[in-house]
Amino acid sequence: MRLCAWYLYGEKHRGYALNPVANFHLQNGAVLWRLNWMADTSPRGIGASCGLMVNYRYFLEDTASNSAAYLGTKQIKASEQVLSLVSQFQQNSKL
């Protein structure tokens, strides 16, 4: 979970999210909302993401400002759950 949070939040290509789906949603003003353990236990889900799935949440009143922040300053808006996992990853990672 921590590694997945870091991948979605912290791994960048030219300052933007490395994952193309994350990049799409973040450009459109979504919030990186929640990681779900074993949400997709199909063979494809296990093979592609070890069963993890992510939810992006759109707060309509914030989409324009979230999109502008992401595109302008490359700032990713994320929930407390995701930020907590990112913090745990950073504290425990040897990468």
Protein backbone atom coordinates (compact mmCIF):
# COMPACT_ATOMS: atom_id res chain seq x y z
CA MET A 1 0.00 0.00 0.00
CA ARG A 2 2.81 2.41 0.91
CA LEU A 3 4.74 1.65 -2.27
CA CYS A 4 1.60 2.07 -4.37
CA ALA A 5 0.85 5.42 -2.72
CA TRP A 6 4.40 6.56 -3.43
CA TYR A 7 4.20 5.37 -7.04
CA LEU A 8 0.99 7.31 -7.66
CA TYR A 9 1.96 10.41 -5.65
CA GLY A 10 5.73 10.64 -5.72
CA GLU A 11 7.04 9.04 -8.91
CA LYS A 12 7.17 11.70 -11.61
CA HIS A 13 7.93 12.19 -15.27
CA ARG A 14 8.83 15.80 -16.00
CA GLY A 15 7.17 16.71 -12.73
CA TYR A 16 3.83 15.05 -13.46
CA ALA A 17 2.49 11.72 -12.21
CA LEU A 18 4.27 8.81 -13.88
CA ASN A 19 1.12 6.69 -14.06
CA PRO A 20 -0.90 7.73 -17.14
CA VAL A 21 -4.29 7.12 -15.50
CA ALA A 22 -3.28 9.17 -12.45
CA ASN A 23 -2.00 11.90 -14.74
CA PHE A 24 -5.32 11.97 -16.63
CA HIS A 25 -7.45 12.29 -13.50
CA LEU A 26 -5.15 14.81 -11.83
CA GLN A 27 -5.09 17.00 -14.94
CA ASN A 28 -8.88 17.02 -14.78
CA GLY A 29 -8.88 18.20 -11.17
CA ALA A 30 -9.44 14.99 -9.22
CA VAL A 31 -8.08 14.20 -5.78
CA LEU A 32 -6.02 11.04 -5.28
CA TRP A 33 -8.57 9.76 -2.80
CA ARG A 34 -8.19 6.18 -1.60
CA LEU A 35 -6.18 3.00 -2.12
CA ASN A 36 -8.10 -0.24 -1.84
CA TRP A 37 -6.34 -3.45 -0.83
CA MET A 38 -7.33 -6.54 -2.85
CA ALA A 39 -10.08 -4.67 -4.68
CA ASP A 40 -9.44 -6.47 -7.97
CA THR A 41 -8.68 -10.14 -7.38
CA SER A 42 -9.17 -11.13 -11.01
CA PRO A 43 -6.11 -12.63 -12.70
CA ARG A 44 -5.65 -9.41 -14.65
CA GLY A 45 -5.99 -7.27 -11.50
CA ILE A 46 -3.48 -9.38 -9.59
CA GLY A 47 -1.06 -9.33 -12.52
CA ALA A 48 -1.37 -5.62 -13.25
CA SER A 49 -1.50 -4.14 -9.75
CA CYS A 50 -1.30 -6.93 -7.16
CA GLY A 51 -5.04 -6.46 -6.63
CA LEU A 52 -4.76 -2.81 -5.58
CA MET A 53 -7.12 -0.20 -6.94
CA VAL A 54 -7.20 3.55 -6.53
CA ASN A 55 -10.16 5.91 -6.32
CA TYR A 56 -10.00 9.43 -7.67
CA ARG A 57 -12.59 11.80 -6.29
CA TYR A 58 -13.91 14.87 -8.02
CA PHE A 59 -15.14 17.72 -5.84
CA LEU A 60 -16.85 19.82 -8.49
CA GLU A 61 -16.20 23.11 -6.71
CA ASP A 62 -12.45 22.31 -6.54
CA THR A 63 -11.74 20.71 -9.91
CA ALA A 64 -10.64 23.93 -11.62
CA SER A 65 -8.25 24.93 -8.83
CA ASN A 66 -6.92 21.37 -8.43
CA SER A 67 -6.31 21.14 -12.17
CA ALA A 68 -4.60 24.54 -12.27
CA ALA A 69 -2.36 23.62 -9.31
CA TYR A 70 -1.38 20.32 -10.91
CA LEU A 71 -0.71 21.78 -14.34
CA GLY A 72 0.95 24.94 -13.05
CA THR A 73 3.00 23.84 -10.05
CA LYS A 74 2.73 20.05 -10.41
CA GLN A 75 1.08 19.84 -6.98
CA ILE A 76 -0.96 16.66 -6.45
CA LYS A 77 -4.03 16.95 -4.25
CA ALA A 78 -4.37 13.80 -2.14
CA SER A 79 -6.43 12.59 0.80
CA GLU A 80 -5.08 12.09 4.30
CA GLN A 81 -5.08 8.30 3.76
CA VAL A 82 -2.82 8.60 0.73
CA LEU A 83 -0.57 11.23 2.30
CA SER A 84 -0.19 9.07 5.42
CA LEU A 85 0.88 6.10 3.29
CA VAL A 86 3.33 8.31 1.37
CA SER A 87 4.80 9.54 4.65
CA GLN A 88 5.17 5.99 5.96
CA PHE A 89 6.87 4.98 2.73
CA GLN A 90 9.32 7.88 2.97
CA GLN A 91 10.17 7.05 6.59
CA ASN A 92 10.71 3.34 5.94
CA SER A 93 12.07 3.26 2.40
CA LYS A 94 15.60 2.41 1.52
CA LEU A 95 15.11 3.59 -2.05
